[in-house]
Amino acid sequence: MIADLAALTSPVFAAERAEFPLSAPDRSDQAGPTNPLGTPAPTFTFDLAKINARALPRPLEYGPPNPLTDPSKSEGFPDPERYDSFGEKLGAVKWEVGAIFAYTTITQIIVTKEKIKSFHFHHEGWFGKDTKALGLDKMAHAYNAYVIADLLHWRISRKTGGAPGDAMAAAALGMGLQFYAELFDAHKTTSGFSIEDVVFNTGGALLSALRNTVPGLRDKLDFRLMVIPNSDIYTFKGQRHYRQQRYILAATLSGFDRLRDTPLRFLELHAGYYATGFTPSERARGETPSRRPYVGIGINFKELLFGSSRSQVTRAAGTMFDYIQVPYTSLPVIR
């Protein structure tokens, strides 16, 4: 007991009492056990409200940081601040860029069966009736650059955690890859390096950057291709290839807050372009080349088929409808 009393009066215990205040209620009027000195034995209680939280030892942390408390430091979670330069963003998607570069090289070598000549320019025109496809080839350049830039933006954003400037970096890469493809045309005898193509490549890539930069625009605007089947189902090159194509800017009503919960979310407003009468067979029949811009309505298949889905897989599958319009589902209203 003497040892216990000495411990209670020791400096160490006094310091502990300073951190963990104790109270000894007055029990002089209550019966209870007594110590050898004849006084009631004090009963100590903790006053939790007065405990200094800093005195509590912090638990030791082992292993990698908790992604719920510090996601940026967890393994596999990208830190956007690491990708502030264009070179670092390019490094994040080097395999994707390399795959597109290889695909472009292989396909251009396959389709280039003619005699190669030195680098030269060729004025192709824009949308005139004397052009080979009435501007549909230019729309194809814009669309290809747009899709490449959008694809690379998705990969850069995913791998860098949404690093600042990812949309412009993707657009620059899209323009660069399309410029590389144009260099093959610059050595063909039937074509050449076309400034018109470069302009539309740039426009398509910048449209992607705009759509991925302006908040909410991605949910409201799409640039799509609709292919109308012909006797070959699909023609891979030549004027009949362009004759099948319709390019559409689609305003998706489901992207507007006031219409999101109404039946109008399944509809879209379309501004489209296609052309007729320019293929050799059409010219042989005496048809006049005709440019056909239009304003119309369409069906939002992404919203119709996947709008209520909670699965990330099915919603990702619905992304293809951001770029492809199902044949015969864009109805011209104003021509």
C-alpha atoms as a PDB file:
ATOM      1  CA  MET A   1       0.000   0.000   0.000  1.00  0.00           C
ATOM      2  CA  ILE A   2       2.870   2.388   0.799  1.00  0.00           C
ATOM      3  CA  ALA A   3       4.272   1.652  -2.633  1.00  0.00           C
ATOM      4  CA  ASP A   4       0.900   2.459  -4.175  1.00  0.00           C
ATOM      5  CA  LEU A   5       0.724   5.762  -2.318  1.00  0.00           C
ATOM      6  CA  ALA A   6       4.229   6.601  -3.419  1.00  0.00           C
ATOM      7  CA  ALA A   7       3.289   5.909  -7.007  1.00  0.00           C
ATOM      8  CA  LEU A   8       0.260   8.170  -6.729  1.00  0.00           C
ATOM      9  CA  THR A   9       2.421  11.024  -5.508  1.00  0.00           C
ATOM     10  CA  SER A  10       5.288  10.480  -7.933  1.00  0.00           C
ATOM     11  CA  PRO A  11       6.193  13.163 -10.559  1.00  0.00           C
ATOM     12  CA  VAL A  12       5.366  10.730 -13.360  1.00  0.00           C
ATOM     13  CA  PHE A  13       1.849  10.206 -12.128  1.00  0.00           C
ATOM     14  CA  ALA A  14       1.497  13.955 -11.617  1.00  0.00           C
ATOM     15  CA  ALA A  15       2.404  14.526 -15.261  1.00  0.00           C
ATOM     16  CA  GLU A  16      -0.088  11.912 -16.339  1.00  0.00           C
ATOM     17  CA  ARG A  17      -2.769  13.612 -14.290  1.00  0.00           C
ATOM     18  CA  ALA A  18      -2.012  16.833 -16.114  1.00  0.00           C
ATOM     19  CA  GLU A  19      -2.737  15.112 -19.410  1.00  0.00           C
ATOM     20  CA  PHE A  20      -5.585  12.941 -18.109  1.00  0.00           C
ATOM     21  CA  PRO A  21      -7.394  14.962 -15.412  1.00  0.00           C
ATOM     22  CA  LEU A  22      -8.858  12.842 -12.667  1.00  0.00           C
ATOM     23  CA  SER A  23     -11.523  13.718 -10.147  1.00  0.00           C
ATOM     24  CA  ALA A  24     -12.108  12.255  -6.701  1.00  0.00           C
ATOM     25  CA  PRO A  25     -15.698  12.787  -5.595  1.00  0.00           C
ATOM     26  CA  ASP A  26     -16.297  13.571  -1.971  1.00  0.00           C
ATOM     27  CA  ARG A  27     -17.566  10.351  -0.414  1.00  0.00           C
ATOM     28  CA  SER A  28     -17.117  11.342   3.245  1.00  0.00           C
ATOM     29  CA  ASP A  29     -20.822  10.931   3.836  1.00  0.00           C
ATOM     30  CA  GLN A  30     -20.949   7.514   2.250  1.00  0.00           C
ATOM     31  CA  ALA A  31     -20.002   4.201   3.716  1.00  0.00           C
ATOM     32  CA  GLY A  32     -17.239   2.466   1.941  1.00  0.00           C
ATOM     33  CA  PRO A  33     -13.876   0.885   2.241  1.00  0.00           C
ATOM     34  CA  THR A  34     -11.188   2.780   4.120  1.00  0.00           C
ATOM     35  CA  ASN A  35      -7.467   2.796   3.742  1.00  0.00           C
ATOM     36  CA  PRO A  36      -5.123   2.060   6.611  1.00  0.00           C
ATOM     37  CA  LEU A  37      -5.033   5.762   7.549  1.00  0.00           C
ATOM     38  CA  GLY A  38      -8.747   5.704   8.291  1.00  0.00           C
ATOM     39  CA  THR A  39     -10.028   7.883   5.448  1.00  0.00           C
ATOM     40  CA  PRO A  40     -12.348   6.688   2.697  1.00  0.00           C
ATOM     41  CA  ALA A  41     -10.510   5.207  -0.262  1.00  0.00           C
ATOM     42  CA  PRO A  42     -10.764   7.673  -3.165  1.00  0.00           C
ATOM     43  CA  THR A  43     -12.390   6.453  -6.356  1.00  0.00           C
ATOM     44  CA  PHE A  44     -10.784   8.007  -9.418  1.00  0.00           C
ATOM     45  CA  THR A  45     -12.786   8.636 -12.585  1.00  0.00           C
ATOM     46  CA  PHE A  46     -11.719   9.950 -16.004  1.00  0.00           C
ATOM     47  CA  ASP A  47     -13.181  13.232 -17.213  1.00  0.00           C
ATOM     48  CA  LEU A  48     -13.249  12.470 -20.950  1.00  0.00           C
ATOM     49  CA  ALA A  49     -14.225  16.005 -21.885  1.00  0.00           C
ATOM     50  CA  LYS A  50     -10.931  17.307 -20.479  1.00  0.00           C
ATOM     51  CA  ILE A  51      -8.613  14.741 -21.992  1.00  0.00           C
ATOM     52  CA  ASN A  52      -6.119  16.343 -24.328  1.00  0.00           C
ATOM     53  CA  ALA A  53      -6.524  14.537 -27.643  1.00  0.00           C
ATOM     54  CA  ARG A  54      -2.934  15.271 -28.520  1.00  0.00           C
ATOM     55  CA  ALA A  55      -1.805  13.115 -25.631  1.00  0.00           C
ATOM     56  CA  LEU A  56      -3.354  10.057 -27.239  1.00  0.00           C
ATOM     57  CA  PRO A  57      -0.756   8.078 -29.205  1.00  0.00           C
ATOM     58  CA  ARG A  58      -1.411   7.962 -32.971  1.00  0.00           C
ATOM     59  CA  PRO A  59      -1.632   4.462 -34.403  1.00  0.00           C
ATOM     60  CA  LEU A  60       1.272   3.387 -36.535  1.00  0.00           C
ATOM     61  CA  GLU A  61       0.538   3.279 -40.273  1.00  0.00           C
ATOM     62  CA  TYR A  62       1.930   0.503 -42.391  1.00  0.00           C
ATOM     63  CA  GLY A  63       1.776  -0.139 -46.120  1.00  0.00           C
ATOM     64  CA  PRO A  64       0.885   2.274 -48.956  1.00  0.00           C
ATOM     65  CA  PRO A  65      -1.192   5.394 -48.235  1.00  0.00           C
ATOM     66  CA  ASN A  66      -4.925   4.921 -47.979  1.00  0.00           C
ATOM     67  CA  PRO A  67      -6.462   5.994 -51.339  1.00  0.00           C
ATOM     68  CA  LEU A  68      -9.603   7.111 -49.524  1.00  0.00           C
ATOM     69  CA  THR A  69      -7.675   9.656 -47.460  1.00  0.00           C
ATOM     70  CA  ASP A  70      -4.927  10.585 -49.923  1.00  0.00           C
ATOM     71  CA  PRO A  71      -5.773   9.306 -53.424  1.00  0.00           C
ATOM     72  CA  SER A  72      -2.992  11.204 -55.152  1.00  0.00           C
ATOM     73  CA  LYS A  73      -0.317   9.221 -53.289  1.00  0.00           C
ATOM     74  CA  SER A  74      -1.756   5.749 -53.675  1.00  0.00           C
ATOM     75  CA  GLU A  75      -0.186   3.305 -56.072  1.00  0.00           C
ATOM     76  CA  GLY A  76      -1.805   3.373 -59.492  1.00  0.00           C
ATOM     77  CA  PHE A  77      -3.630   6.653 -58.923  1.00  0.00           C
ATOM     78  CA  PRO A  78      -2.251   9.352 -61.247  1.00  0.00           C
ATOM     79  CA  ASP A  79      -1.107  12.691 -59.909  1.00  0.00           C
ATOM     80  CA  PRO A  80      -2.112  15.431 -62.414  1.00  0.00           C
ATOM     81  CA  GLU A  81       0.715  17.704 -61.241  1.00  0.00           C
ATOM     82  CA  ARG A  82       3.255  15.247 -62.649  1.00  0.00           C
ATOM     83  CA  TYR A  83       1.977  15.819 -66.200  1.00  0.00           C
ATOM     84  CA  ASP A  84       2.142  19.579 -66.614  1.00  0.00           C
ATOM     85  CA  SER A  85       4.206  19.547 -69.832  1.00  0.00           C
ATOM     86  CA  PHE A  86       3.286  18.371 -73.318  1.00  0.00           C
ATOM     87  CA  GLY A  87       6.151  15.876 -73.310  1.00  0.00           C
ATOM     88  CA  GLU A  88       4.922  14.228 -70.123  1.00  0.00           C
ATOM     89  CA  LYS A  89       1.403  13.922 -71.551  1.00  0.00           C
ATOM     90  CA  LEU A  90       2.844  12.402 -74.726  1.00  0.00           C
ATOM     91  CA  GLY A  91       4.814   9.953 -72.617  1.00  0.00           C
ATOM     92  CA  ALA A  92       1.617   8.865 -70.886  1.00  0.00           C
ATOM     93  CA  VAL A  93       0.087   7.763 -74.218  1.00  0.00           C
ATOM     94  CA  LYS A  94       3.216   6.799 -76.150  1.00  0.00           C
ATOM     95  CA  TRP A  95       1.875   3.318 -76.923  1.00  0.00           C
ATOM     96  CA  GLU A  96      -1.452   4.651 -78.180  1.00  0.00           C
ATOM     97  CA  VAL A  97       0.282   7.224 -80.375  1.00  0.00           C
ATOM     98  CA  GLY A  98       2.693   4.559 -81.615  1.00  0.00           C
ATOM     99  CA  ALA A  99      -0.191   2.251 -82.538  1.00  0.00           C
ATOM    100  CA  ILE A 100      -1.956   4.980 -84.549  1.00  0.00           C
ATOM    101  CA  PHE A 101       1.343   5.918 -86.203  1.00  0.00           C
ATOM    102  CA  ALA A 102       1.949   2.287 -87.208  1.00  0.00           C
ATOM    103  CA  TYR A 103      -1.621   1.855 -88.470  1.00  0.00           C
ATOM    104  CA  THR A 104      -1.324   5.009 -90.583  1.00  0.00           C
ATOM    105  CA  THR A 105       1.982   3.873 -92.043  1.00  0.00           C
ATOM    106  CA  ILE A 106       0.735   0.398 -92.950  1.00  0.00           C
ATOM    107  CA  THR A 107      -2.546   1.537 -94.496  1.00  0.00           C
ATOM    108  CA  GLN A 108      -0.887   4.301 -96.506  1.00  0.00           C
ATOM    109  CA  ILE A 109       1.684   1.882 -97.887  1.00  0.00           C
ATOM    110  CA  ILE A 110      -1.082  -0.536 -98.874  1.00  0.00           C
ATOM    111  CA  VAL A 111      -3.201   2.053-100.689  1.00  0.00           C
ATOM    112  CA  THR A 112      -0.231   3.731-102.373  1.00  0.00           C
ATOM    113  CA  LYS A 113       0.137   1.476-105.401  1.00  0.00           C
ATOM    114  CA  GLU A 114       1.031   4.215-107.840  1.00  0.00           C
ATOM    115  CA  LYS A 115       4.423   5.570-108.757  1.00  0.00           C
ATOM    116  CA  ILE A 116       5.989   7.752-106.083  1.00  0.00           C
ATOM    117  CA  LYS A 117       7.185  11.250-106.971  1.00  0.00           C
ATOM    118  CA  SER A 118       8.921  14.020-105.086  1.00  0.00           C
ATOM    119  CA  PHE A 119       7.106  16.180-102.549  1.00  0.00           C
ATOM    120  CA  HIS A 120       4.646  18.537-104.215  1.00  0.00           C
ATOM    121  CA  PHE A 121       1.554  20.600-103.406  1.00  0.00           C
ATOM    122  CA  HIS A 122      -1.876  20.099-104.913  1.00  0.00           C
ATOM    123  CA  HIS A 123      -4.821  22.507-104.785  1.00  0.00           C
ATOM    124  CA  GLU A 124      -7.919  20.334-104.251  1.00  0.00           C
ATOM    125  CA  GLY A 125     -10.516  23.022-103.617  1.00  0.00           C
ATOM    126  CA  TRP A 126     -13.153  23.067-100.915  1.00  0.00           C
ATOM    127  CA  PHE A 127     -16.836  22.279-101.587  1.00  0.00           C
ATOM    128  CA  GLY A 128     -17.079  23.302-105.222  1.00  0.00           C
ATOM    129  CA  LYS A 129     -18.987  21.245-107.786  1.00  0.00           C
ATOM    130  CA  ASP A 130     -15.752  20.817-109.706  1.00  0.00           C
ATOM    131  CA  THR A 131     -14.080  19.000-106.794  1.00  0.00           C
ATOM    132  CA  LYS A 132     -13.803  15.232-106.689  1.00  0.00           C
ATOM    133  CA  ALA A 133     -16.231  14.689-103.776  1.00  0.00           C
ATOM    134  CA  LEU A 134     -17.913  18.081-103.261  1.00  0.00           C
ATOM    135  CA  GLY A 135     -16.147  18.554 -99.930  1.00  0.00           C
ATOM    136  CA  LEU A 136     -16.949  15.174 -98.393  1.00  0.00           C
ATOM    137  CA  ASP A 137     -13.259  14.297 -98.479  1.00  0.00           C
ATOM    138  CA  LYS A 138     -12.589  17.424 -96.420  1.00  0.00           C
ATOM    139  CA  MET A 139     -15.268  16.431 -93.915  1.00  0.00           C
ATOM    140  CA  ALA A 140     -13.576  13.024 -93.686  1.00  0.00           C
ATOM    141  CA  HIS A 141     -10.289  14.700 -92.740  1.00  0.00           C
ATOM    142  CA  ALA A 142     -12.015  16.741 -90.036  1.00  0.00           C
ATOM    143  CA  TYR A 143     -13.820  13.691 -88.676  1.00  0.00           C
ATOM    144  CA  ASN A 144     -10.686  11.522 -88.569  1.00  0.00           C
ATOM    145  CA  ALA A 145      -8.719  14.186 -86.707  1.00  0.00           C
ATOM    146  CA  TYR A 146     -11.653  14.697 -84.336  1.00  0.00           C
ATOM    147  CA  VAL A 147     -11.927  10.991 -83.473  1.00  0.00           C
ATOM    148  CA  ILE A 148      -8.167  10.580 -82.995  1.00  0.00           C
ATOM    149  CA  ALA A 149      -8.011  13.642 -80.732  1.00  0.00           C
ATOM    150  CA  ASP A 150     -11.003  12.442 -78.710  1.00  0.00           C
ATOM    151  CA  LEU A 151      -9.500   8.979 -78.300  1.00  0.00           C
ATOM    152  CA  LEU A 152      -6.159  10.368 -77.151  1.00  0.00           C
ATOM    153  CA  HIS A 153      -7.882  12.819 -74.816  1.00  0.00           C
ATOM    154  CA  TRP A 154      -9.704   9.947 -73.150  1.00  0.00           C
ATOM    155  CA  ARG A 155      -6.450   8.040 -72.674  1.00  0.00           C
ATOM    156  CA  ILE A 156      -4.476  11.069 -71.470  1.00  0.00           C
ATOM    157  CA  SER A 157      -7.214  12.045 -69.027  1.00  0.00           C
ATOM    158  CA  ARG A 158      -7.423   8.506 -67.677  1.00  0.00           C
ATOM    159  CA  LYS A 159      -3.667   8.052 -67.294  1.00  0.00           C
ATOM    160  CA  THR A 160      -2.880  11.480 -65.846  1.00  0.00           C
ATOM    161  CA  GLY A 161      -5.914  11.982 -63.647  1.00  0.00           C
ATOM    162  CA  GLY A 162      -7.167  14.836 -65.792  1.00  0.00           C
ATOM    163  CA  ALA A 163      -3.977  16.863 -66.104  1.00  0.00           C
ATOM    164  CA  PRO A 164      -4.488  20.523 -67.086  1.00  0.00           C
ATOM    165  CA  GLY A 165      -4.324  21.036 -70.837  1.00  0.00           C
ATOM    166  CA  ASP A 166      -5.029  17.404 -71.699  1.00  0.00           C
ATOM    167  CA  ALA A 167      -7.612  18.365 -74.357  1.00  0.00           C
ATOM    168  CA  MET A 168      -5.207  20.675 -76.210  1.00  0.00           C
ATOM    169  CA  ALA A 169      -2.401  18.116 -75.969  1.00  0.00           C
ATOM    170  CA  ALA A 170      -4.673  15.489 -77.512  1.00  0.00           C
ATOM    171  CA  ALA A 171      -5.708  17.915 -80.263  1.00  0.00           C
ATOM    172  CA  ALA A 172      -2.067  18.667 -81.074  1.00  0.00           C
ATOM    173  CA  LEU A 173      -1.292  14.953 -81.299  1.00  0.00           C
ATOM    174  CA  GLY A 174      -4.320  14.397 -83.525  1.00  0.00           C
ATOM    175  CA  MET A 175      -3.204  17.168 -85.875  1.00  0.00           C
ATOM    176  CA  GLY A 176       0.329  15.795 -85.911  1.00  0.00           C
ATOM    177  CA  LEU A 177      -0.758  12.274 -86.815  1.00  0.00           C
ATOM    178  CA  GLN A 178      -3.007  13.561 -89.597  1.00  0.00           C
ATOM    179  CA  PHE A 179      -0.176  15.764 -90.862  1.00  0.00           C
ATOM    180  CA  TYR A 180       1.989  12.647 -91.043  1.00  0.00           C
ATOM    181  CA  ALA A 181      -0.678  10.922 -93.157  1.00  0.00           C
ATOM    182  CA  GLU A 182      -0.804  13.948 -95.469  1.00  0.00           C
ATOM    183  CA  LEU A 183       2.902  13.527 -96.182  1.00  0.00           C
ATOM    184  CA  PHE A 184       2.084  10.302 -98.019  1.00  0.00           C
ATOM    185  CA  ASP A 185      -0.358  12.184-100.261  1.00  0.00           C
ATOM    186  CA  ALA A 186       2.404  14.688-100.974  1.00  0.00           C
ATOM    187  CA  HIS A 187       4.316  11.970-102.852  1.00  0.00           C
ATOM    188  CA  LYS A 188       1.426  10.479-104.859  1.00  0.00           C
ATOM    189  CA  THR A 189       1.079  11.260-108.561  1.00  0.00           C
ATOM    190  CA  THR A 190      -2.723  11.593-108.335  1.00  0.00           C
ATOM    191  CA  SER A 191      -2.705  13.969-105.380  1.00  0.00           C
ATOM    192  CA  GLY A 192      -0.287  16.101-103.404  1.00  0.00           C
ATOM    193  CA  PHE A 193       0.132  17.959-100.158  1.00  0.00           C
ATOM    194  CA  SER A 194      -3.202  19.750 -99.691  1.00  0.00           C
ATOM    195  CA  ILE A 195      -3.514  22.880 -97.566  1.00  0.00           C
ATOM    196  CA  GLU A 196      -7.276  22.330 -97.586  1.00  0.00           C
ATOM    197  CA  ASP A 197      -6.801  18.937 -95.943  1.00  0.00           C
ATOM    198  CA  VAL A 198      -4.542  20.429 -93.274  1.00  0.00           C
ATOM    199  CA  VAL A 199      -7.119  23.130 -92.508  1.00  0.00           C
ATOM    200  CA  PHE A 200      -9.875  20.566 -91.968  1.00  0.00           C
ATOM    201  CA  ASN A 201      -7.565  18.323 -89.937  1.00  0.00           C
ATOM    202  CA  THR A 202      -6.931  21.281 -87.673  1.00  0.00           C
ATOM    203  CA  GLY A 203     -10.622  22.140 -87.458  1.00  0.00           C
ATOM    204  CA  GLY A 204     -11.599  18.615 -86.436  1.00  0.00           C
ATOM    205  CA  ALA A 205      -8.932  18.415 -83.740  1.00  0.00           C
ATOM    206  CA  LEU A 206      -9.855  21.838 -82.351  1.00  0.00           C
ATOM    207  CA  LEU A 207     -13.527  20.845 -82.235  1.00  0.00           C
ATOM    208  CA  SER A 208     -12.503  17.930 -80.033  1.00  0.00           C
ATOM    209  CA  ALA A 209     -10.504  20.269 -77.787  1.00  0.00           C
ATOM    210  CA  LEU A 210     -13.437  22.688 -77.527  1.00  0.00           C
ATOM    211  CA  ARG A 211     -15.879  19.900 -76.707  1.00  0.00           C
ATOM    212  CA  ASN A 212     -13.590  18.499 -74.003  1.00  0.00           C
ATOM    213  CA  THR A 213     -12.740  21.888 -72.495  1.00  0.00           C
ATOM    214  CA  VAL A 214     -16.035  23.785 -72.228  1.00  0.00           C
ATOM    215  CA  PRO A 215     -17.956  22.401 -69.227  1.00  0.00           C
ATOM    216  CA  GLY A 216     -21.057  20.474 -70.258  1.00  0.00           C
ATOM    217  CA  LEU A 217     -20.453  20.748 -74.009  1.00  0.00           C
ATOM    218  CA  ARG A 218     -19.478  17.099 -74.342  1.00  0.00           C
ATOM    219  CA  ASP A 219     -22.967  16.113 -73.164  1.00  0.00           C
ATOM    220  CA  LYS A 220     -24.632  18.447 -75.661  1.00  0.00           C
ATOM    221  CA  LEU A 221     -22.687  18.201 -78.929  1.00  0.00           C
ATOM    222  CA  ASP A 222     -21.427  15.292 -81.038  1.00  0.00           C
ATOM    223  CA  PHE A 223     -19.736  15.069 -84.438  1.00  0.00           C
ATOM    224  CA  ARG A 224     -20.852  11.866 -86.158  1.00  0.00           C
ATOM    225  CA  LEU A 225     -20.605   9.865 -89.325  1.00  0.00           C
ATOM    226  CA  MET A 226     -23.608   8.083 -90.838  1.00  0.00           C
ATOM    227  CA  VAL A 227     -22.883   5.551 -93.585  1.00  0.00           C
ATOM    228  CA  ILE A 228     -25.687   4.574 -95.966  1.00  0.00           C
ATOM    229  CA  PRO A 229     -25.117   1.024 -97.307  1.00  0.00           C
ATOM    230  CA  ASN A 230     -24.758   0.580-101.077  1.00  0.00           C
ATOM    231  CA  SER A 231     -24.608  -2.491-103.316  1.00  0.00           C
ATOM    232  CA  ASP A 232     -21.215  -3.332-101.780  1.00  0.00           C
ATOM    233  CA  ILE A 233     -22.577  -2.704 -98.265  1.00  0.00           C
ATOM    234  CA  TYR A 234     -19.473  -0.583 -97.686  1.00  0.00           C
ATOM    235  CA  THR A 235     -16.999   0.785-100.240  1.00  0.00           C
ATOM    236  CA  PHE A 236     -13.542   1.347 -98.789  1.00  0.00           C
ATOM    237  CA  LYS A 237     -12.144   3.923-101.217  1.00  0.00           C
ATOM    238  CA  GLY A 238     -12.903   6.117-104.185  1.00  0.00           C
ATOM    239  CA  GLN A 239     -15.839   8.388-104.860  1.00  0.00           C
ATOM    240  CA  ARG A 240     -18.406   5.712-104.029  1.00  0.00           C
ATOM    241  CA  HIS A 241     -16.806   5.612-100.583  1.00  0.00           C
ATOM    242  CA  TYR A 242     -17.602   9.299-100.049  1.00  0.00           C
ATOM    243  CA  ARG A 243     -21.030   8.961-101.636  1.00  0.00           C
ATOM    244  CA  GLN A 244     -22.111   6.765 -98.715  1.00  0.00           C
ATOM    245  CA  GLN A 245     -21.170   9.297 -96.071  1.00  0.00           C
ATOM    246  CA  ARG A 246     -23.193  11.884 -94.185  1.00  0.00           C
ATOM    247  CA  TYR A 247     -21.530  14.037 -91.559  1.00  0.00           C
ATOM    248  CA  ILE A 248     -23.663  15.280 -88.697  1.00  0.00           C
ATOM    249  CA  LEU A 249     -23.333  17.780 -85.873  1.00  0.00           C
ATOM    250  CA  ALA A 250     -25.835  16.508 -83.320  1.00  0.00           C
ATOM    251  CA  ALA A 251     -27.242  18.579 -80.451  1.00  0.00           C
ATOM    252  CA  THR A 252     -28.310  15.982 -77.881  1.00  0.00           C
ATOM    253  CA  LEU A 253     -31.310  17.229 -75.904  1.00  0.00           C
ATOM    254  CA  SER A 254     -30.498  14.845 -73.046  1.00  0.00           C
ATOM    255  CA  GLY A 255     -27.526  17.056 -72.231  1.00  0.00           C
ATOM    256  CA  PHE A 256     -29.740  19.982 -71.216  1.00  0.00           C
ATOM    257  CA  ASP A 257     -30.910  20.024 -67.601  1.00  0.00           C
ATOM    258  CA  ARG A 258     -34.471  21.106 -68.366  1.00  0.00           C
ATOM    259  CA  LEU A 259     -34.957  18.281 -70.875  1.00  0.00           C
ATOM    260  CA  ARG A 260     -33.009  15.508 -69.178  1.00  0.00           C
ATOM    261  CA  ASP A 261     -36.057  13.990 -67.460  1.00  0.00           C
ATOM    262  CA  THR A 262     -38.514  14.479 -70.316  1.00  0.00           C
ATOM    263  CA  PRO A 263     -39.273  12.298 -73.371  1.00  0.00           C
ATOM    264  CA  LEU A 264     -37.407  14.861 -75.491  1.00  0.00           C
ATOM    265  CA  ARG A 265     -34.152  13.413 -74.190  1.00  0.00           C
ATOM    266  CA  PHE A 266     -34.489  10.665 -76.805  1.00  0.00           C
ATOM    267  CA  LEU A 267     -34.393  13.203 -79.664  1.00  0.00           C
ATOM    268  CA  GLU A 268     -31.609  15.245 -81.240  1.00  0.00           C
ATOM    269  CA  LEU A 269     -31.272  18.225 -83.539  1.00  0.00           C
ATOM    270  CA  HIS A 270     -29.035  17.544 -86.533  1.00  0.00           C
ATOM    271  CA  ALA A 271     -27.075  19.740 -88.906  1.00  0.00           C
ATOM    272  CA  GLY A 272     -25.860  17.416 -91.637  1.00  0.00           C
ATOM    273  CA  TYR A 273     -24.078  17.396 -94.976  1.00  0.00           C
ATOM    274  CA  TYR A 274     -23.845  14.951 -97.868  1.00  0.00           C
ATOM    275  CA  ALA A 275     -23.591  15.152-101.649  1.00  0.00           C
ATOM    276  CA  THR A 276     -24.898  13.336-104.713  1.00  0.00           C
ATOM    277  CA  GLY A 277     -24.277  13.139-108.442  1.00  0.00           C
ATOM    278  CA  PHE A 278     -20.476  13.176-108.374  1.00  0.00           C
ATOM    279  CA  THR A 279     -19.600   9.490-108.800  1.00  0.00           C
ATOM    280  CA  PRO A 280     -18.669   8.230-112.303  1.00  0.00           C
ATOM    281  CA  SER A 281     -21.866   6.187-112.586  1.00  0.00           C
ATOM    282  CA  GLU A 282     -24.031   9.144-111.566  1.00  0.00           C
ATOM    283  CA  ARG A 283     -22.294  11.458-114.003  1.00  0.00           C
ATOM    284  CA  ALA A 284     -22.764   8.849-116.744  1.00  0.00           C
ATOM    285  CA  ARG A 285     -26.491   8.922-116.056  1.00  0.00           C
ATOM    286  CA  GLY A 286     -26.450  12.672-116.523  1.00  0.00           C
ATOM    287  CA  GLU A 287     -26.989  13.563-112.891  1.00  0.00           C
ATOM    288  CA  THR A 288     -25.813  16.974-111.751  1.00  0.00           C
ATOM    289  CA  PRO A 289     -23.425  17.144-108.791  1.00  0.00           C
ATOM    290  CA  SER A 290     -25.405  18.453-105.839  1.00  0.00           C
ATOM    291  CA  ARG A 291     -24.375  19.568-102.341  1.00  0.00           C
ATOM    292  CA  ARG A 292     -27.019  18.708 -99.760  1.00  0.00           C
ATOM    293  CA  PRO A 293     -26.738  20.412 -96.385  1.00  0.00           C
ATOM    294  CA  TYR A 294     -29.753  19.957 -94.142  1.00  0.00           C
ATOM    295  CA  VAL A 295     -31.235  20.514 -90.703  1.00  0.00           C
ATOM    296  CA  GLY A 296     -33.182  17.658 -89.202  1.00  0.00           C
ATOM    297  CA  ILE A 297     -33.984  15.495 -86.217  1.00  0.00           C
ATOM    298  CA  GLY A 298     -32.601  12.170 -85.083  1.00  0.00           C
ATOM    299  CA  ILE A 299     -32.840   9.506 -82.413  1.00  0.00           C
ATOM    300  CA  ASN A 300     -30.473   9.479 -79.455  1.00  0.00           C
ATOM    301  CA  PHE A 301     -29.631   5.769 -79.375  1.00  0.00           C
ATOM    302  CA  LYS A 302     -27.137   6.216 -76.565  1.00  0.00           C
ATOM    303  CA  GLU A 303     -29.858   7.578 -74.303  1.00  0.00           C
ATOM    304  CA  LEU A 304     -32.465   5.135 -75.589  1.00  0.00           C
ATOM    305  CA  LEU A 305     -30.380   1.992 -75.043  1.00  0.00           C
ATOM    306  CA  PHE A 306     -27.955   2.908 -72.270  1.00  0.00           C
ATOM    307  CA  GLY A 307     -29.308   6.019 -70.578  1.00  0.00           C
ATOM    308  CA  SER A 308     -30.701   4.209 -67.522  1.00  0.00           C
ATOM    309  CA  SER A 309     -27.877   1.671 -67.242  1.00  0.00           C
ATOM    310  CA  ARG A 310     -25.761   1.714 -64.095  1.00  0.00           C
ATOM    311  CA  SER A 311     -23.099  -0.551 -65.543  1.00  0.00           C
ATOM    312  CA  GLN A 312     -19.892   1.189 -66.558  1.00  0.00           C
ATOM    313  CA  VAL A 313     -19.310  -1.456 -69.231  1.00  0.00           C
ATOM    314  CA  THR A 314     -22.622  -0.912 -71.001  1.00  0.00           C
ATOM    315  CA  ARG A 315     -22.368   2.858 -70.698  1.00  0.00           C
ATOM    316  CA  ALA A 316     -18.879   2.701 -72.206  1.00  0.00           C
ATOM    317  CA  ALA A 317     -20.293   0.632 -75.057  1.00  0.00           C
ATOM    318  CA  GLY A 318     -22.840   3.378 -75.651  1.00  0.00           C
ATOM    319  CA  THR A 319     -20.006   5.821 -76.302  1.00  0.00           C
ATOM    320  CA  MET A 320     -19.794   4.587 -79.905  1.00  0.00           C
ATOM    321  CA  PHE A 321     -23.048   6.448 -80.556  1.00  0.00           C
ATOM    322  CA  ASP A 322     -21.149   9.679 -79.860  1.00  0.00           C
ATOM    323  CA  TYR A 323     -19.328   9.089 -83.153  1.00  0.00           C
ATOM    324  CA  ILE A 324     -21.575   6.866 -85.282  1.00  0.00           C
ATOM    325  CA  GLN A 325     -25.138   7.578 -86.416  1.00  0.00           C
ATOM    326  CA  VAL A 326     -27.226   4.499 -87.179  1.00  0.00           C
ATOM    327  CA  PRO A 327     -28.181   4.468 -90.898  1.00  0.00           C
ATOM    328  CA  TYR A 328     -31.515   6.063 -91.808  1.00  0.00           C
ATOM    329  CA  THR A 329     -32.004   7.597 -88.334  1.00  0.00           C
ATOM    330  CA  SER A 330     -31.273  11.218 -89.275  1.00  0.00           C
ATOM    331  CA  LEU A 331     -34.342  12.771 -90.891  1.00  0.00           C
ATOM    332  CA  PRO A 332     -33.809  15.964 -92.941  1.00  0.00           C
ATOM    333  CA  VAL A 333     -36.476  18.590 -92.239  1.00  0.00           C
ATOM    334  CA  ILE A 334     -34.979  21.653 -93.912  1.00  0.00           C
ATOM    335  CA  ARG A 335     -32.826  21.194 -97.024  1.00  0.00           C
END
